[in-house]
Amino acid sequence: MAEQSATKHTRLRLAAAALLAALAAAAIAAPAASANVSIAATPNTSGVLAAYTLVVPSSISKSRLQARAVIATGIPCPALNVVSPSSSNAVAGRASSASSKRTVAMQMRTPGATTDAAFSSIRACQANLPTGLKSATVGKVSVPASLPQAIDKIAILGDTGCRIKGSTVQDCADPAAWPLAQVSRSIANDKPDVTLFVGDFYYRESSCPSDLSGQCGGSPAPISGLPFKDTGYGWLADAFLPMASALSAAPILAGRGNHEACDRGGNGYFLLFAIRANAAAACAPTASGEAPQTIDPTWAVDLPISSTRTLRTVVVDSATQSDNGDSELTSWAAVQRPFYRAAQSLSTKKSGRESWLLTHRPLFGTEAVEPGTTSSWESVDQTAAASGLIGNFNLLITGHAHQAEVAQIPGQPAQMIFGNGGTLLNEGEIVLPPQGPMRDSTGQPLSPLYPPYPNATYLWGKLEFGYSIATPLKRDGQWRFAYKDLNGKSFESCTAIGKNARCG
């Protein structure tokens, strides 16, 4: 027994040393950004590097919550310790009150074998949270344990990582240039009931250029020779370290962005954030050494707003797309279309239920352009793939464009973009395109297969870092969205009524 115990402690020390090396690298890249962050990933005797709670469908977990842990390789999954509220029971003729404590086993999630050294240092664990909990800890790290009976506040953000791609380098060491840690703290201060993440965690796609080491020196780099860009250490630096405050504040419903496509950051996403138990290796390179083109199945979860009102959030994976699919119509639209058809089925209208579509790429979105330049509608493949299939939705909740934006196409759900969470913002100005979606620059339809939309009647946008807090108004289908800056100060208030949204 003593020999086994010594071996176990040796593994723990080695794992902690590996983690400290990774966190030190991340801290070199972002010392100011990580200051004062209460990070769950601090090494502890349970071997937990990070712990958090995912929002999942009730078909997976009755509570709609699943606890996750990131651990060092070689460490067993920690215990999930849960506490139910106190209850009075008659014992020997007297009333007694005691909390109910129990332990739930966590199951290992293992990355694909062909990810090689990129994910050799970390593993993930999962366990469904029982309903009606008072608190929960993974090892010794507290995680959000329950959803309220009535959700009053929803945080929304996306496009958060520190961009390192070739010669384009964000200053990861400057909290003003990469403010994700401050955004995370501000979200935690708002005390949301749940957080919606619209995709794009991962932006560290290159080694830090030697002449820019003051901005990104020490940042975990991709492993050469592999057909993808992310690493386990990179996910600690780009997501878990700076987002610790927000992850500890509320359960997160995590969508997948194009930066989590299999040839970019997909292996980490499927290991750490995908909801399916068998998805951890979904992006692993094929036998021929290529990154697959994986689309995760469409899914939905119901969030209680009141005793008579439910918000159904339907999640469509729009991470993968042809290279030209943002600006041109390609054959990928037909590949993607069944996933929007599934979303239409999941959003069937029902009394007391309203639906939001959450996907990464906007269906009716623009990107900022240079002054005097004509704007155009982006994500053409996705717009075509969803054509005629979004009539059940009130709102389209997306990211991808690195800005805050609201657009209104007559008769369609309002498009709301939350792509200003921390990565480099777009430059220029946000301008209403002169033609409706699915038309070319001359106003002609792009394809007879997909009817064009009318011109937009409204567009608002701003290039400022931050996030949004959505709060339900008294009547069904009515919401207020506060677009907030990195310090939590509102810079715009938008109201959504049914399918229509306006700001200011």
Foldseek 3Di string as FASTA:
>chain_A
DVVVVVVQVVVLVVLLVVVVLLVVLLCLQAVPLLPPFPFPLRRDPQQFRHKFKAQAACVQAVQSIKIKTKGWPPHAFFKKKFKAAWDWDQDPNDTDTDIDIDIDDWDKFDADPQLPPQENTITMTMDHAHPRTPWIAGRNHTYDRHADLAFFKEWEAEQQFFADDVPDGFQNHDCVRFVLLLQLQLLLVVLGAEYEYQARQAHQQAQHPPVVCSRNNSQDWADPPAQETHGPSNCCSRPRSSNRSNRRRYHYHYAYALCCFLSYVVLCCQRGPDDDRPRNHVQRADPVRHTDGDWDAKDWHWHHNHPQAIEIEIEGEPNDDPPCQFPAADPVLVVRQVRLQVVLVVLPDDGRYAYEYRHAAWLADWAADAPPDAIDGTRLSPVQSNFPRQQSHQEYEYEDQQWWKWWAFPSGAIYTYRHQAGYDHGDHGDDFHPAFRQADNVNHGNDPSHDTTGGIPDMDIDGAHHIWMWGADDDHQKIKIFTAHSNNHGPKIKIGHRRDIDID
